[in-house]
Amino acid sequence: MNIANKISTFRILNVPFLIACLIYYSPEKDFLRFIALGIFSLAALSDAIDGYIARKTKTKSSAGQILDPLADKLLLISAFIFLSNIKNFPQAIYFPLWVTLIVISRDIMILLGALVIFIVRQKIDIQPSKWGKFTTTFQMSSVIAVLLQWEFSFLLWTLAVLFTIISGIDYIKRGVRLLYALDSHRNNP
């Protein structure tokens, strides 16, 4: 296991602590919001660091292709779910349920598409797109803004939703092209 994969694993191991802070949050225990902010911010920073290390040291691996997006998905989906259910946040700044549903729906579609491609091709090569990277950046920024209780956090999550939809469409188009190319290759040997 290389350093980048260890950092991705670290991100995965942080998810239960983030969830615990958000579950036990109350206005009387506002310090938990700041602990959650610290955990999430550290995890978001580690996402950038592990990608940089993997590229710089040329240690991209099969495990890393699974661990990195898995860590991102677990972290972000957990944050969106629990930050859309906290109604007693100061100033009532939290994610509306529809935002969380869009984020989760895209990830489910990507996962199901990857599964179909794997079943058909017996292998999968996950390559993130620029739209996916923008999406992750805006989703992470949105979570940080909500945890900070920034009154204009809706601007960030609006951008996150926009990029989530764009990247979802992009991944679907890429998956369909990949399956179509494979099908036409089989029909024209």
Protein backbone atom coordinates (compact mmCIF):
# COMPACT_ATOMS: atom_id res chain seq x y z
CA MET A 1 0.00 0.00 0.00
CA ASN A 2 1.56 3.30 -1.12
CA ILE A 3 1.36 6.65 0.68
CA ALA A 4 -1.49 7.98 -1.47
CA ASN A 5 -3.60 4.90 -0.67
CA LYS A 6 -2.84 5.28 3.05
CA ILE A 7 -4.08 8.87 2.88
CA SER A 8 -7.29 7.72 1.13
CA THR A 9 -7.75 5.08 3.83
CA PHE A 10 -7.26 7.80 6.46
CA ARG A 11 -10.10 9.75 4.79
CA ILE A 12 -12.38 6.71 4.96
CA LEU A 13 -11.56 6.19 8.65
CA ASN A 14 -12.53 9.81 9.39
CA VAL A 15 -16.12 9.34 8.17
CA PRO A 16 -17.50 7.73 11.38
CA PHE A 17 -16.03 10.56 13.48
CA LEU A 18 -17.63 13.16 11.21
CA ILE A 19 -20.97 11.37 11.43
CA ALA A 20 -20.75 11.12 15.23
CA CYS A 21 -20.09 14.86 15.55
CA LEU A 22 -23.10 15.67 13.37
CA ILE A 23 -25.41 13.16 15.06
CA TYR A 24 -24.62 14.47 18.55
CA TYR A 25 -24.62 18.14 17.55
CA SER A 26 -26.93 20.53 19.39
CA PRO A 27 -26.74 24.28 19.95
CA GLU A 28 -25.50 23.53 23.48
CA LYS A 29 -22.70 21.42 21.98
CA ASP A 30 -21.70 23.84 19.22
CA PHE A 31 -18.08 22.73 19.61
CA LEU A 32 -19.08 19.53 17.75
CA ARG A 33 -19.76 21.60 14.64
CA PHE A 34 -16.20 22.90 14.77
CA ILE A 35 -14.79 19.43 15.36
CA ALA A 36 -16.80 18.22 12.34
CA LEU A 37 -15.45 21.19 10.37
CA GLY A 38 -11.88 20.24 11.34
CA ILE A 39 -12.40 16.58 10.44
CA PHE A 40 -14.02 17.42 7.11
CA SER A 41 -11.46 20.10 6.21
CA LEU A 42 -8.58 17.75 7.00
CA ALA A 43 -10.20 15.03 4.90
CA ALA A 44 -10.79 17.47 2.01
CA LEU A 45 -7.16 18.59 2.18
CA SER A 46 -6.02 14.95 2.23
CA ASP A 47 -7.97 14.41 -1.02
CA ALA A 48 -5.81 16.99 -2.76
CA ILE A 49 -2.64 15.66 -1.14
CA ASP A 50 -3.14 12.01 -2.08
CA GLY A 51 -3.85 12.92 -5.70
CA TYR A 52 -0.77 15.13 -5.83
CA ILE A 53 1.44 12.42 -4.30
CA ALA A 54 0.13 9.73 -6.66
CA ARG A 55 0.80 11.92 -9.71
CA LYS A 56 4.18 13.24 -8.51
CA THR A 57 5.57 9.84 -7.50
CA LYS A 58 3.84 8.03 -10.38
CA THR A 59 2.37 5.55 -7.92
CA LYS A 60 -1.15 5.37 -9.28
CA SER A 61 -2.53 1.94 -8.45
CA SER A 62 -5.62 -0.20 -8.94
CA ALA A 63 -6.32 0.08 -5.22
CA GLY A 64 -6.01 3.86 -5.45
CA GLN A 65 -8.48 3.98 -8.33
CA ILE A 66 -11.03 2.42 -5.98
CA LEU A 67 -9.99 3.88 -2.61
CA ASP A 68 -9.82 7.55 -3.65
CA PRO A 69 -13.31 7.87 -5.17
CA LEU A 70 -14.73 5.60 -2.45
CA ALA A 71 -13.29 7.89 0.23
CA ASP A 72 -14.72 10.96 -1.53
CA LYS A 73 -18.15 9.39 -1.90
CA LEU A 74 -18.35 8.17 1.70
CA LEU A 75 -17.19 11.52 3.06
CA LEU A 76 -19.44 13.67 0.89
CA ILE A 77 -22.57 11.53 1.00
CA SER A 78 -22.30 11.27 4.79
CA ALA A 79 -21.84 15.02 5.12
CA PHE A 80 -24.75 15.84 2.81
CA ILE A 81 -27.11 13.36 4.47
CA PHE A 82 -26.40 14.52 8.00
CA LEU A 83 -26.23 18.23 7.13
CA SER A 84 -29.66 18.03 5.49
CA ASN A 85 -31.19 16.57 8.65
CA ILE A 86 -29.86 19.02 11.24
CA LYS A 87 -32.72 21.44 11.78
CA ASN A 88 -31.29 23.06 14.91
CA PHE A 89 -28.17 24.54 13.29
CA PRO A 90 -27.51 28.19 14.16
CA GLN A 91 -29.35 30.45 11.68
CA ALA A 92 -30.96 27.27 10.27
CA ILE A 93 -28.31 26.94 7.53
CA TYR A 94 -28.30 23.36 6.25
CA PHE A 95 -28.73 21.51 2.96
CA PRO A 96 -32.27 21.23 1.61
CA LEU A 97 -33.24 17.62 1.05
CA TRP A 98 -33.44 18.06 -2.74
CA VAL A 99 -29.75 19.07 -2.84
CA THR A 100 -28.79 15.89 -1.00
CA LEU A 101 -30.99 13.78 -3.30
CA ILE A 102 -29.28 15.21 -6.41
CA VAL A 103 -25.81 14.52 -4.96
CA ILE A 104 -26.70 10.96 -3.98
CA SER A 105 -28.59 10.21 -7.23
CA ARG A 106 -25.57 11.15 -9.34
CA ASP A 107 -23.29 8.92 -7.30
CA ILE A 108 -25.72 6.00 -7.52
CA MET A 109 -25.95 6.44 -11.32
CA ILE A 110 -22.15 6.51 -11.61
CA LEU A 111 -21.84 3.40 -9.42
CA LEU A 112 -24.49 1.48 -11.38
CA GLY A 113 -22.92 2.57 -14.68
CA ALA A 114 -19.49 1.42 -13.52
CA LEU A 115 -21.01 -1.91 -12.48
CA VAL A 116 -22.63 -2.39 -15.91
CA ILE A 117 -19.35 -1.52 -17.65
CA PHE A 118 -17.47 -3.95 -15.41
CA ILE A 119 -19.97 -6.74 -16.09
CA VAL A 120 -19.77 -6.18 -19.84
CA ARG A 121 -16.01 -5.58 -20.16
CA GLN A 122 -14.77 -7.63 -17.17
CA LYS A 123 -12.58 -4.67 -16.23
CA ILE A 124 -12.98 -1.01 -15.47
CA ASP A 125 -10.63 1.91 -15.74
CA ILE A 126 -12.03 4.81 -13.72
CA GLN A 127 -10.82 8.16 -15.03
CA PRO A 128 -12.19 11.25 -13.32
CA SER A 129 -13.34 14.05 -15.59
CA LYS A 130 -12.75 17.76 -15.15
CA TRP A 131 -16.48 18.09 -14.41
CA GLY A 132 -16.18 15.47 -11.68
CA LYS A 133 -13.27 17.37 -10.15
CA PHE A 134 -15.23 20.64 -10.22
CA THR A 135 -18.16 18.82 -8.65
CA THR A 136 -16.05 17.43 -5.81
CA THR A 137 -14.49 20.85 -5.20
CA PHE A 138 -17.86 22.63 -5.00
CA GLN A 139 -19.46 19.87 -2.93
CA MET A 140 -16.60 20.00 -0.42
CA SER A 141 -16.73 23.81 -0.36
CA SER A 142 -20.49 23.64 0.25
CA VAL A 143 -20.07 21.34 3.23
CA ILE A 144 -17.42 23.63 4.71
CA ALA A 145 -19.65 26.68 4.14
CA VAL A 146 -22.60 25.01 5.89
CA LEU A 147 -20.42 23.91 8.81
CA LEU A 148 -19.13 27.50 9.08
CA GLN A 149 -22.75 28.68 8.91
CA TRP A 150 -21.87 31.11 6.13
CA GLU A 151 -25.08 32.95 5.33
CA PHE A 152 -24.42 32.76 1.58
CA SER A 153 -23.65 29.03 1.57
CA PHE A 154 -26.60 28.56 -0.80
CA LEU A 155 -24.43 30.12 -3.54
CA LEU A 156 -21.88 27.33 -3.17
CA TRP A 157 -24.39 24.53 -2.98
CA THR A 158 -26.21 25.94 -6.00
CA LEU A 159 -22.92 25.69 -7.94
CA ALA A 160 -22.36 22.23 -6.46
CA VAL A 161 -25.78 21.12 -7.73
CA LEU A 162 -25.10 22.59 -11.17
CA PHE A 163 -21.74 20.81 -11.49
CA THR A 164 -23.23 17.62 -10.01
CA ILE A 165 -25.82 17.56 -12.80
CA ILE A 166 -23.28 18.46 -15.52
CA SER A 167 -20.79 15.82 -14.36
CA GLY A 168 -23.56 13.23 -14.03
CA ILE A 169 -24.60 13.81 -17.65
CA ASP A 170 -20.94 13.74 -18.73
CA TYR A 171 -20.30 10.40 -16.97
CA ILE A 172 -23.45 8.90 -18.51
CA LYS A 173 -22.37 10.03 -22.00
CA ARG A 174 -18.86 8.64 -21.48
CA GLY A 175 -20.27 5.32 -20.24
CA VAL A 176 -22.66 4.99 -23.17
CA ARG A 177 -19.84 5.77 -25.65
CA LEU A 178 -17.64 3.16 -23.96
CA LEU A 179 -20.36 0.50 -24.15
CA TYR A 180 -21.26 1.46 -27.75
CA ALA A 181 -17.60 1.30 -28.82
CA LEU A 182 -17.25 -2.13 -27.22
CA ASP A 183 -20.46 -3.36 -28.88
CA SER A 184 -19.46 -2.10 -32.34
CA HIS A 185 -16.00 -3.65 -31.92
CA ARG A 186 -17.60 -7.05 -31.18
CA ASN A 187 -19.91 -6.76 -34.24
CA ASN A 188 -17.05 -5.70 -36.58
CA PRO A 189 -14.09 -8.01 -35.86
